[in-house]
């Protein structure tokens, strides 16, 4: 949980991993896939675009 989305994407790209474990202490909590991270970034970009459109529309 300490690794950011950007860091995880960088690790996956550099090491050619498609999945990373999510670990708290010594316990496996889950697995995150590159698709999960890409979908998160797409959602973030859509939210930013929406906020900018709203700002422009209301001046």
PDB file of N, CA and C in Angstrom:
ATOM      1  N   UNK A   1       0.796  -1.227   0.000  1.00  0.00           N
ATOM      2  CA  UNK A   1       0.000   0.000   0.000  1.00  0.00           C
ATOM      3  C   UNK A   1       0.831   1.280   0.000  1.00  0.00           C
ATOM      4  N   UNK A   2       2.150   1.166   0.202  1.00  0.00           N
ATOM      5  CA  UNK A   2       2.992   2.359   0.189  1.00  0.00           C
ATOM      6  C   UNK A   2       3.432   2.748  -1.218  1.00  0.00           C
ATOM      7  N   UNK A   3       3.292   1.866  -2.173  1.00  0.00           N
ATOM      8  CA  UNK A   3       3.722   2.128  -3.542  1.00  0.00           C
ATOM      9  C   UNK A   3       2.624   2.863  -4.297  1.00  0.00           C
ATOM     10  N   UNK A   4       2.984   3.967  -4.953  1.00  0.00           N
ATOM     11  CA  UNK A   4       1.999   4.739  -5.717  1.00  0.00           C
ATOM     12  C   UNK A   4       1.649   4.016  -7.013  1.00  0.00           C
ATOM     13  N   UNK A   5       0.562   4.441  -7.625  1.00  0.00           N
ATOM     14  CA  UNK A   5       0.145   3.870  -8.906  1.00  0.00           C
ATOM     15  C   UNK A   5       1.248   4.081  -9.939  1.00  0.00           C
ATOM     16  N   UNK A   6       1.812   5.272  -9.957  1.00  0.00           N
ATOM     17  CA  UNK A   6       2.866   5.574 -10.922  1.00  0.00           C
ATOM     18  C   UNK A   6       4.089   4.675 -10.714  1.00  0.00           C
ATOM     19  N   UNK A   7       4.467   4.476  -9.449  1.00  0.00           N
ATOM     20  CA  UNK A   7       5.609   3.605  -9.147  1.00  0.00           C
ATOM     21  C   UNK A   7       5.323   2.164  -9.564  1.00  0.00           C
ATOM     22  N   UNK A   8       4.117   1.702  -9.281  1.00  0.00           N
ATOM     23  CA  UNK A   8       3.743   0.332  -9.643  1.00  0.00           C
ATOM     24  C   UNK A   8       3.772   0.152 -11.157  1.00  0.00           C
ATOM     25  N   UNK A   9       3.266   1.147 -11.889  1.00  0.00           N
ATOM     26  CA  UNK A   9       3.285   1.066 -13.350  1.00  0.00           C
ATOM     27  C   UNK A   9       4.719   1.055 -13.873  1.00  0.00           C
ATOM     28  N   UNK A  10       5.575   1.844 -13.249  1.00  0.00           N
ATOM     29  CA  UNK A  10       6.978   1.884 -13.650  1.00  0.00           C
ATOM     30  C   UNK A  10       7.654   0.527 -13.416  1.00  0.00           C
ATOM     31  N   UNK A  11       7.406  -0.061 -12.257  1.00  0.00           N
ATOM     32  CA  UNK A  11       7.966  -1.381 -11.938  1.00  0.00           C
ATOM     33  C   UNK A  11       7.485  -2.417 -12.949  1.00  0.00           C
ATOM     34  N   UNK A  12       6.189  -2.408 -13.216  1.00  0.00           N
ATOM     35  CA  UNK A  12       5.622  -3.388 -14.138  1.00  0.00           C
ATOM     36  C   UNK A  12       6.188  -3.226 -15.547  1.00  0.00           C
ATOM     37  N   UNK A  13       6.353  -1.980 -15.971  1.00  0.00           N
ATOM     38  CA  UNK A  13       6.883  -1.724 -17.311  1.00  0.00           C
ATOM     39  C   UNK A  13       8.345  -2.131 -17.414  1.00  0.00           C
ATOM     40  N   UNK A  14       9.146  -1.689 -16.464  1.00  0.00           N
ATOM     41  CA  UNK A  14      10.582  -1.979 -16.506  1.00  0.00           C
ATOM     42  C   UNK A  14      10.887  -3.472 -16.387  1.00  0.00           C
ATOM     43  N   UNK A  15      10.176  -4.147 -15.500  1.00  0.00           N
ATOM     44  CA  UNK A  15      10.450  -5.564 -15.249  1.00  0.00           C
ATOM     45  C   UNK A  15       9.557  -6.506 -16.053  1.00  0.00           C
ATOM     46  N   UNK A  16       8.652  -5.914 -16.844  1.00  0.00           N
ATOM     47  CA  UNK A  16       7.736  -6.664 -17.700  1.00  0.00           C
ATOM     48  C   UNK A  16       6.839  -7.608 -16.903  1.00  0.00           C
ATOM     49  N   UNK A  17       6.380  -7.118 -15.753  1.00  0.00           N
ATOM     50  CA  UNK A  17       5.419  -7.860 -14.930  1.00  0.00           C
ATOM     51  C   UNK A  17       4.016  -7.423 -15.307  1.00  0.00           C
ATOM     52  N   UNK A  18       3.074  -8.339 -15.248  1.00  0.00           N
ATOM     53  CA  UNK A  18       1.677  -7.999 -15.507  1.00  0.00           C
ATOM     54  C   UNK A  18       0.878  -7.921 -14.212  1.00  0.00           C
ATOM     55  N   UNK A  19       1.462  -8.424 -13.133  1.00  0.00           N
ATOM     56  CA  UNK A  19       0.792  -8.420 -11.829  1.00  0.00           C
ATOM     57  C   UNK A  19       1.812  -8.143 -10.734  1.00  0.00           C
ATOM     58  N   UNK A  20       1.342  -7.493  -9.665  1.00  0.00           N
ATOM     59  CA  UNK A  20       2.171  -7.277  -8.479  1.00  0.00           C
ATOM     60  C   UNK A  20       1.373  -7.676  -7.251  1.00  0.00           C
ATOM     61  N   UNK A  21       2.031  -8.266  -6.269  1.00  0.00           N
ATOM     62  CA  UNK A  21       1.327  -8.598  -5.024  1.00  0.00           C
ATOM     63  C   UNK A  21       1.106  -7.343  -4.189  1.00  0.00           C
ATOM     64  N   UNK A  22       0.008  -7.329  -3.459  1.00  0.00           N
ATOM     65  CA  UNK A  22      -0.264  -6.271  -2.483  1.00  0.00           C
ATOM     66  C   UNK A  22      -0.066  -6.916  -1.118  1.00  0.00           C
ATOM     67  N   UNK A  23       0.923  -6.418  -0.385  1.00  0.00           N
ATOM     68  CA  UNK A  23       1.312  -7.050   0.876  1.00  0.00           C
ATOM     69  C   UNK A  23       1.256  -6.040   2.009  1.00  0.00           C
ATOM     70  N   UNK A  24       0.667  -6.451   3.125  1.00  0.00           N
ATOM     71  CA  UNK A  24       0.689  -5.670   4.359  1.00  0.00           C
ATOM     72  C   UNK A  24       1.406  -6.522   5.394  1.00  0.00           C
ATOM     73  N   UNK A  25       2.536  -6.005   5.872  1.00  0.00           N
ATOM     74  CA  UNK A  25       3.352  -6.818   6.775  1.00  0.00           C
ATOM     75  C   UNK A  25       3.862  -8.018   6.014  1.00  0.00           C
ATOM     76  N   UNK A  26       3.524  -9.197   6.485  1.00  0.00           N
ATOM     77  CA  UNK A  26       3.890 -10.438   5.795  1.00  0.00           C
ATOM     78  C   UNK A  26       2.686 -11.121   5.171  1.00  0.00           C
ATOM     79  N   UNK A  27       1.572 -10.390   5.078  1.00  0.00           N
ATOM     80  CA  UNK A  27       0.324 -10.980   4.603  1.00  0.00           C
ATOM     81  C   UNK A  27      -0.023 -10.496   3.199  1.00  0.00           C
ATOM     82  N   UNK A  28      -0.306 -11.442   2.313  1.00  0.00           N
ATOM     83  CA  UNK A  28      -0.764 -11.113   0.975  1.00  0.00           C
ATOM     84  C   UNK A  28      -2.211 -10.646   1.058  1.00  0.00           C
ATOM     85  N   UNK A  29      -2.458  -9.409   0.645  1.00  0.00           N
ATOM     86  CA  UNK A  29      -3.814  -8.843   0.697  1.00  0.00           C
ATOM     87  C   UNK A  29      -4.531  -8.953  -0.641  1.00  0.00           C
ATOM     88  N   UNK A  30      -3.753  -9.057  -1.714  1.00  0.00           N
ATOM     89  CA  UNK A  30      -4.356  -9.130  -3.032  1.00  0.00           C
ATOM     90  C   UNK A  30      -3.304  -9.032  -4.112  1.00  0.00           C
ATOM     91  N   UNK A  31      -3.786  -8.906  -5.334  1.00  0.00           N
ATOM     92  CA  UNK A  31      -2.906  -8.775  -6.487  1.00  0.00           C
ATOM     93  C   UNK A  31      -3.471  -7.666  -7.364  1.00  0.00           C
ATOM     94  N   UNK A  32      -2.589  -6.798  -7.841  1.00  0.00           N
ATOM     95  CA  UNK A  32      -3.007  -5.727  -8.741  1.00  0.00           C
ATOM     96  C   UNK A  32      -2.431  -6.034 -10.125  1.00  0.00           C
ATOM     97  N   UNK A  33      -3.248  -5.829 -11.143  1.00  0.00           N
ATOM     98  CA  UNK A  33      -2.808  -6.097 -12.511  1.00  0.00           C
ATOM     99  C   UNK A  33      -2.522  -4.784 -13.225  1.00  0.00           C
ATOM    100  N   UNK A  34      -1.810  -4.873 -14.328  1.00  0.00           N
ATOM    101  CA  UNK A  34      -1.537  -3.683 -15.130  1.00  0.00           C
ATOM    102  C   UNK A  34      -2.852  -3.091 -15.628  1.00  0.00           C
ATOM    103  N   UNK A  35      -3.829  -3.953 -15.907  1.00  0.00           N
ATOM    104  CA  UNK A  35      -5.149  -3.475 -16.334  1.00  0.00           C
ATOM    105  C   UNK A  35      -5.830  -2.656 -15.252  1.00  0.00           C
ATOM    106  N   UNK A  36      -5.698  -3.077 -13.998  1.00  0.00           N
ATOM    107  CA  UNK A  36      -6.256  -2.314 -12.878  1.00  0.00           C
ATOM    108  C   UNK A  36      -5.669  -0.909 -12.847  1.00  0.00           C
ATOM    109  N   UNK A  37      -4.352  -0.827 -13.018  1.00  0.00           N
ATOM    110  CA  UNK A  37      -3.675   0.464 -12.951  1.00  0.00           C
ATOM    111  C   UNK A  37      -4.016   1.346 -14.145  1.00  0.00           C
ATOM    112  N   UNK A  38      -4.094   0.753 -15.329  1.00  0.00           N
ATOM    113  CA  UNK A  38      -4.464   1.517 -16.520  1.00  0.00           C
ATOM    114  C   UNK A  38      -5.885   2.049 -16.376  1.00  0.00           C
ATOM    115  N   UNK A  39      -6.802   1.224 -15.908  1.00  0.00           N
ATOM    116  CA  UNK A  39      -8.182   1.675 -15.707  1.00  0.00           C
ATOM    117  C   UNK A  39      -8.254   2.799 -14.686  1.00  0.00           C
ATOM    118  N   UNK A  40      -7.460   2.718 -13.637  1.00  0.00           N
ATOM    119  CA  UNK A  40      -7.413   3.781 -12.628  1.00  0.00           C
ATOM    120  C   UNK A  40      -6.940   5.090 -13.256  1.00  0.00           C
ATOM    121  N   UNK A  41      -5.869   5.026 -14.057  1.00  0.00           N
ATOM    122  CA  UNK A  41      -5.335   6.237 -14.695  1.00  0.00           C
ATOM    123  C   UNK A  41      -6.335   6.813 -15.693  1.00  0.00           C
ATOM    124  N   UNK A  42      -7.034   5.967 -16.432  1.00  0.00           N
ATOM    125  CA  UNK A  42      -8.059   6.443 -17.362  1.00  0.00           C
ATOM    126  C   UNK A  42      -9.145   7.172 -16.591  1.00  0.00           C
ATOM    127  N   UNK A  43      -9.595   6.589 -15.493  1.00  0.00           N
ATOM    128  CA  UNK A  43     -10.631   7.214 -14.668  1.00  0.00           C
ATOM    129  C   UNK A  43     -10.142   8.565 -14.139  1.00  0.00           C
ATOM    130  N   UNK A  44      -8.901   8.619 -13.665  1.00  0.00           N
ATOM    131  CA  UNK A  44      -8.336   9.874 -13.152  1.00  0.00           C
ATOM    132  C   UNK A  44      -8.302  10.933 -14.250  1.00  0.00           C
ATOM    133  N   UNK A  45      -7.896  10.552 -15.448  1.00  0.00           N
ATOM    134  CA  UNK A  45      -7.828  11.491 -16.572  1.00  0.00           C
ATOM    135  C   UNK A  45      -9.213  12.000 -16.944  1.00  0.00           C
ATOM    136  N   UNK A  46     -10.198  11.121 -16.929  1.00  0.00           N
ATOM    137  CA  UNK A  46     -11.570  11.526 -17.226  1.00  0.00           C
ATOM    138  C   UNK A  46     -12.096  12.499 -16.180  1.00  0.00           C
ATOM    139  N   UNK A  47     -11.758  12.265 -14.920  1.00  0.00           N
ATOM    140  CA  UNK A  47     -12.194  13.160 -13.845  1.00  0.00           C
ATOM    141  C   UNK A  47     -11.536  14.535 -13.988  1.00  0.00           C
ATOM    142  N   UNK A  48     -10.264  14.564 -14.329  1.00  0.00           N
ATOM    143  CA  UNK A  48      -9.553  15.828 -14.529  1.00  0.00           C
ATOM    144  C   UNK A  48     -10.148  16.594 -15.705  1.00  0.00           C
ATOM    145  N   UNK A  49     -10.434  15.898 -16.801  1.00  0.00           N
ATOM    146  CA  UNK A  49     -11.026  16.535 -17.975  1.00  0.00           C
ATOM    147  C   UNK A  49     -12.398  17.101 -17.642  1.00  0.00           C
ATOM    148  N   UNK A  50     -13.177  16.354 -16.887  1.00  0.00           N
ATOM    149  CA  UNK A  50     -14.508  16.811 -16.481  1.00  0.00           C
ATOM    150  C   UNK A  50     -14.412  18.064 -15.617  1.00  0.00           C
ATOM    151  N   UNK A  51     -13.471  18.086 -14.688  1.00  0.00           N
ATOM    152  CA  UNK A  51     -13.290  19.252 -13.822  1.00  0.00           C
ATOM    153  C   UNK A  51     -12.867  20.469 -14.636  1.00  0.00           C
ATOM    154  N   UNK A  52     -11.993  20.275 -15.604  1.00  0.00           N
ATOM    155  CA  UNK A  52     -11.565  21.385 -16.454  1.00  0.00           C
ATOM    156  C   UNK A  52     -12.712  21.908 -17.307  1.00  0.00           C
ATOM    157  N   UNK A  53     -13.511  21.001 -17.866  1.00  0.00           N
ATOM    158  CA  UNK A  53     -14.670  21.421 -18.657  1.00  0.00           C
ATOM    159  C   UNK A  53     -15.640  22.221 -17.806  1.00  0.00           C
ATOM    160  N   UNK A  54     -15.877  21.771 -16.583  1.00  0.00           N
ATOM    161  CA  UNK A  54     -16.767  22.474 -15.663  1.00  0.00           C
ATOM    162  C   UNK A  54     -16.221  23.863 -15.349  1.00  0.00           C
ATOM    163  N   UNK A  55     -14.935  23.950 -15.110  1.00  0.00           N
ATOM    164  CA  UNK A  55     -14.294  25.231 -14.804  1.00  0.00           C
ATOM    165  C   UNK A  55     -14.416  26.193 -15.980  1.00  0.00           C
ATOM    166  N   UNK A  56     -14.170  25.692 -17.193  1.00  0.00           N
ATOM    167  CA  UNK A  56     -14.257  26.527 -18.390  1.00  0.00           C
ATOM    168  C   UNK A  56     -15.692  26.975 -18.629  1.00  0.00           C
ATOM    169  N   UNK A  57     -16.641  26.072 -18.434  1.00  0.00           N
ATOM    170  CA  UNK A  57     -18.052  26.384 -18.681  1.00  0.00           C
ATOM    171  C   UNK A  57     -18.594  27.426 -17.708  1.00  0.00           C
ATOM    172  N   UNK A  58     -18.119  27.403 -16.479  1.00  0.00           N
ATOM    173  CA  UNK A  58     -18.648  28.338 -15.474  1.00  0.00           C
ATOM    174  C   UNK A  58     -17.782  29.577 -15.325  1.00  0.00           C
ATOM    175  N   UNK A  59     -16.607  29.563 -15.952  1.00  0.00           N
ATOM    176  CA  UNK A  59     -15.715  30.731 -15.969  1.00  0.00           C
ATOM    177  C   UNK A  59     -15.212  31.084 -14.654  1.00  0.00           C
TER     178      UNK A  59
END
